[in-house]
Amino acid sequence: MPDPEDQSKPGSQKRLVYWIFIIGFMLLIPVIPFVLLGDQFESGLLDQVKEPMPAGMLVVTLIMVLASDIFLPVPSSMAITYCGGILGTFTTTLAAWVGLNLGAFLGYFLSRYLGKPFAEKMAGKKELEELSVMTQRYGPLTLIWTRALPILAEAAVLFVGATSLPFKQFWKPILAANLVVAFCYAGAGEISSQFNILPIVVVASGLFPLGIAWLIRKYHIRQL
């Protein structure tokens, strides 16, 4: 008889591959127009670069993108790092902190009032099972150490909402963890921009947390 754990692996692996595909696709987006349109597109792009997006609009865009993280496959770390290179550490940290908090609170309350079916639909049944194991061991601290990790961060919020974790045990670790995450990625973006390596660091900020999340799910969770 097959092991139930083995039966659940394909779905979990598909979700990880899905995230890798999303990040890879986003990295290809800037390349596609150059390949299809050539010099004409490049000359037009140079004209547009001279008039970049206003800082206020970029701040609002970042907040909206991060607030929708529960519903959309948003590589939030890459978005924060990029904006850090454009807006600076302080402004990006503040905007990212607001956006991350909005997304976390929205996921928590929707999951709390719509229940486990909603959480499973948004995060996946396997992910919630993994978070159940981690939460039993670490409690609300799970919200802190998963904050910077794709897949696990959203799943943790949805899980504690679906299991009716009291809000007073939710908002403090979330606010603190989101502030640290926002500051670290924003700072990395500003520093890398000063050294003219922002694109490299933006890519790394998306791939590195994804790799850490994969290692935790593959090796650590299995030992709990």
Protein backbone atom coordinates (compact mmCIF):
# COMPACT_ATOMS: atom_id res chain seq x y z
CA MET A 1 0.00 0.00 0.00
CA PRO A 2 1.54 3.40 -0.97
CA ASP A 3 2.61 5.77 1.75
CA PRO A 4 0.12 8.67 2.10
CA GLU A 5 3.07 11.04 2.39
CA ASP A 6 4.36 9.90 -1.00
CA GLN A 7 0.92 10.47 -2.51
CA SER A 8 0.95 14.09 -1.36
CA LYS A 9 4.39 14.91 -2.77
CA PRO A 10 3.38 15.49 -6.42
CA GLY A 11 1.01 18.33 -5.52
CA SER A 12 3.61 19.98 -3.33
CA GLN A 13 6.30 19.63 -5.99
CA LYS A 14 3.98 21.05 -8.63
CA ARG A 15 3.44 24.14 -6.49
CA LEU A 16 7.20 24.63 -6.08
CA VAL A 17 7.74 24.21 -9.82
CA TYR A 18 4.94 26.72 -10.37
CA TRP A 19 6.76 29.34 -8.30
CA ILE A 20 10.02 28.69 -10.13
CA PHE A 21 8.17 29.10 -13.43
CA ILE A 22 6.66 32.41 -12.28
CA ILE A 23 10.05 33.81 -11.29
CA GLY A 24 11.65 32.55 -14.48
CA PHE A 25 8.88 34.07 -16.59
CA MET A 26 9.28 37.43 -14.86
CA LEU A 27 13.00 37.35 -15.57
CA LEU A 28 12.30 36.74 -19.26
CA ILE A 29 9.76 39.54 -19.60
CA PRO A 30 12.40 42.25 -20.15
CA VAL A 31 14.17 40.12 -22.77
CA ILE A 32 11.17 39.22 -24.95
CA PRO A 33 10.52 42.72 -26.40
CA PHE A 34 14.18 43.11 -27.38
CA VAL A 35 14.08 39.78 -29.21
CA LEU A 36 10.81 40.48 -31.01
CA LEU A 37 11.16 44.20 -31.75
CA GLY A 38 14.90 44.76 -31.83
CA ASP A 39 16.45 48.21 -32.18
CA GLN A 40 13.13 49.98 -32.57
CA PHE A 41 12.03 48.89 -29.12
CA GLU A 42 15.42 49.68 -27.60
CA SER A 43 15.42 53.27 -28.85
CA GLY A 44 11.85 53.77 -27.60
CA LEU A 45 12.75 52.30 -24.23
CA LEU A 46 15.65 54.71 -23.82
CA ASP A 47 13.26 57.59 -24.33
CA GLN A 48 10.94 56.20 -21.65
CA VAL A 49 13.77 55.68 -19.17
CA LYS A 50 14.37 59.41 -19.23
CA GLU A 51 10.92 59.80 -17.66
CA PRO A 52 10.75 57.11 -14.92
CA MET A 53 7.63 56.32 -12.92
CA PRO A 54 7.00 58.95 -10.24
CA ALA A 55 8.06 57.85 -6.77
CA GLY A 56 4.55 58.22 -5.39
CA MET A 57 3.10 55.95 -8.06
CA LEU A 58 5.81 53.36 -7.46
CA VAL A 59 5.05 53.40 -3.73
CA VAL A 60 1.34 52.86 -4.33
CA THR A 61 2.08 50.10 -6.84
CA LEU A 62 4.35 48.30 -4.38
CA ILE A 63 1.73 48.47 -1.62
CA MET A 64 -1.00 47.11 -3.91
CA VAL A 65 1.21 44.32 -5.24
CA LEU A 66 2.22 43.14 -1.77
CA ALA A 67 -1.34 43.42 -0.45
CA SER A 68 -2.49 41.01 -3.17
CA ASP A 69 0.18 38.43 -2.37
CA ILE A 70 -2.36 36.01 -0.90
CA PHE A 71 -4.25 35.82 -4.20
CA LEU A 72 -1.49 36.26 -6.78
CA PRO A 73 1.90 34.57 -7.24
CA VAL A 74 3.82 37.73 -6.37
CA PRO A 75 7.59 37.41 -5.79
CA SER A 76 7.42 40.00 -3.02
CA SER A 77 11.13 39.82 -2.17
CA MET A 78 12.05 40.79 -5.73
CA ALA A 79 9.55 43.64 -5.77
CA ILE A 80 10.84 45.07 -2.47
CA THR A 81 14.49 44.73 -3.50
CA TYR A 82 13.87 46.45 -6.82
CA CYS A 83 12.00 49.33 -5.19
CA GLY A 84 14.76 49.63 -2.61
CA GLY A 85 17.18 50.33 -5.43
CA ILE A 86 14.89 53.00 -6.88
CA LEU A 87 13.25 54.63 -3.84
CA GLY A 88 15.82 54.04 -1.12
CA THR A 89 15.68 52.01 2.06
CA PHE A 90 13.45 54.17 4.24
CA THR A 91 10.65 54.83 1.74
CA THR A 92 10.64 51.26 0.45
CA THR A 93 10.67 49.78 3.96
CA LEU A 94 7.66 51.85 4.97
CA ALA A 95 5.71 51.07 1.78
CA ALA A 96 6.59 47.37 1.86
CA TRP A 97 5.70 47.11 5.54
CA VAL A 98 2.26 48.57 4.87
CA GLY A 99 1.70 46.28 1.87
CA LEU A 100 2.90 43.14 3.63
CA ASN A 101 0.71 43.87 6.64
CA LEU A 102 -2.35 44.50 4.49
CA GLY A 103 -1.82 41.21 2.68
CA ALA A 104 -1.25 39.27 5.90
CA PHE A 105 -4.27 40.75 7.68
CA LEU A 106 -6.46 40.16 4.64
CA GLY A 107 -5.37 36.53 4.41
CA TYR A 108 -5.84 35.99 8.14
CA PHE A 109 -9.37 37.38 8.33
CA LEU A 110 -10.57 35.76 5.11
CA SER A 111 -9.21 32.41 6.21
CA ARG A 112 -10.67 32.84 9.69
CA TYR A 113 -14.19 33.62 8.49
CA LEU A 114 -14.27 31.47 5.33
CA GLY A 115 -12.61 28.54 7.04
CA LYS A 116 -10.34 25.71 6.05
CA PRO A 117 -11.79 25.19 2.52
CA PHE A 118 -10.70 28.71 1.57
CA ALA A 119 -7.25 28.21 3.09
CA GLU A 120 -6.78 24.91 1.26
CA LYS A 121 -7.86 26.47 -2.01
CA MET A 122 -5.42 29.36 -1.70
CA ALA A 123 -2.42 27.58 -0.14
CA GLY A 124 -2.91 23.91 -0.94
CA LYS A 125 -3.81 21.02 1.33
CA LYS A 126 -0.25 19.70 1.57
CA GLU A 127 1.10 23.11 2.58
CA LEU A 128 -1.45 23.42 5.37
CA GLU A 129 -0.57 19.97 6.64
CA GLU A 130 3.08 21.00 6.79
CA LEU A 131 2.19 24.20 8.63
CA SER A 132 0.12 22.19 11.10
CA VAL A 133 3.21 20.18 12.01
CA MET A 134 5.40 23.27 12.35
CA THR A 135 2.82 25.24 14.33
CA GLN A 136 2.41 22.41 16.82
CA ARG A 137 6.12 22.65 17.53
CA TYR A 138 6.86 26.37 17.23
CA GLY A 139 3.48 27.99 17.88
CA PRO A 140 3.03 31.60 16.69
CA LEU A 141 6.80 31.81 16.15
CA THR A 142 6.10 29.99 12.88
CA LEU A 143 4.71 33.27 11.57
CA ILE A 144 8.08 34.93 12.19
CA TRP A 145 10.52 32.47 10.70
CA THR A 146 8.41 31.75 7.62
CA ARG A 147 7.80 35.43 6.78
CA ALA A 148 10.68 35.68 4.31
CA LEU A 149 9.95 32.35 2.64
CA PRO A 150 7.70 32.02 -0.42
CA ILE A 151 4.81 29.54 -0.20
CA LEU A 152 5.35 28.96 3.53
CA ALA A 153 4.70 32.61 4.47
CA GLU A 154 1.26 32.73 2.85
CA ALA A 155 0.40 29.23 4.01
CA ALA A 156 1.29 30.11 7.62
CA VAL A 157 -1.04 33.12 7.62
CA LEU A 158 -3.88 31.14 6.09
CA PHE A 159 -3.36 28.23 8.47
CA VAL A 160 -3.46 30.26 11.67
CA GLY A 161 -6.53 32.08 10.37
CA ALA A 162 -8.32 28.85 9.55
CA THR A 163 -7.46 27.42 12.98
CA SER A 164 -8.73 30.61 14.69
CA LEU A 165 -5.49 31.71 16.29
CA PRO A 166 -6.44 34.74 18.46
CA PHE A 167 -5.73 38.00 16.67
CA LYS A 168 -3.67 39.30 19.61
CA GLN A 169 -1.27 36.40 19.04
CA PHE A 170 -1.19 37.11 15.31
CA TRP A 171 -0.60 40.82 14.81
CA LYS A 172 2.48 41.33 16.97
CA PRO A 173 4.74 38.73 15.32
CA ILE A 174 3.41 39.67 11.89
CA LEU A 175 4.13 43.38 12.30
CA ALA A 176 7.60 42.69 13.66
CA ALA A 177 8.55 40.09 11.05
CA ASN A 178 7.22 42.18 8.16
CA LEU A 179 9.27 45.16 9.30
CA VAL A 180 12.47 43.10 9.37
CA VAL A 181 11.75 41.54 5.97
CA ALA A 182 10.91 44.90 4.39
CA PHE A 183 14.02 46.57 5.80
CA CYS A 184 16.41 43.78 4.76
CA TYR A 185 15.24 43.56 1.15
CA ALA A 186 14.92 47.33 0.77
CA GLY A 187 18.42 47.83 2.17
CA ALA A 188 19.80 45.15 -0.13
CA GLY A 189 18.19 46.93 -3.07
CA GLU A 190 19.65 50.34 -2.20
CA ILE A 191 23.15 49.00 -1.53
CA SER A 192 23.19 46.92 -4.72
CA SER A 193 22.01 49.94 -6.69
CA GLN A 194 25.00 51.92 -5.44
CA PHE A 195 27.30 49.18 -6.73
CA ASN A 196 25.37 48.85 -10.03
CA ILE A 197 24.40 45.23 -9.38
CA LEU A 198 20.69 45.76 -8.68
CA PRO A 199 19.44 43.29 -11.37
CA ILE A 200 21.66 40.53 -9.97
CA VAL A 201 20.53 41.11 -6.40
CA VAL A 202 16.86 41.29 -7.45
CA VAL A 203 17.17 37.86 -9.06
CA ALA A 204 19.02 36.48 -6.04
CA SER A 205 16.37 37.87 -3.68
CA GLY A 206 13.79 35.76 -5.51
CA LEU A 207 15.75 32.54 -5.95
CA PHE A 208 17.53 32.35 -2.58
CA PRO A 209 14.39 32.36 -0.36
CA LEU A 210 12.75 29.90 -2.73
CA GLY A 211 15.70 27.54 -2.31
CA ILE A 212 15.60 27.89 1.49
CA ALA A 213 11.86 27.14 1.49
CA TRP A 214 12.47 24.03 -0.61
CA LEU A 215 15.20 22.77 1.74
CA ILE A 216 13.05 23.35 4.83
CA ARG A 217 10.11 21.50 3.33
CA LYS A 218 12.24 18.64 2.07
CA TYR A 219 14.46 18.01 5.08
CA HIS A 220 13.34 19.85 8.21
CA ILE A 221 9.59 19.26 8.10
CA ARG A 222 10.12 15.58 7.45
CA GLN A 223 12.02 15.30 10.76
CA LEU A 224 9.35 17.00 12.89
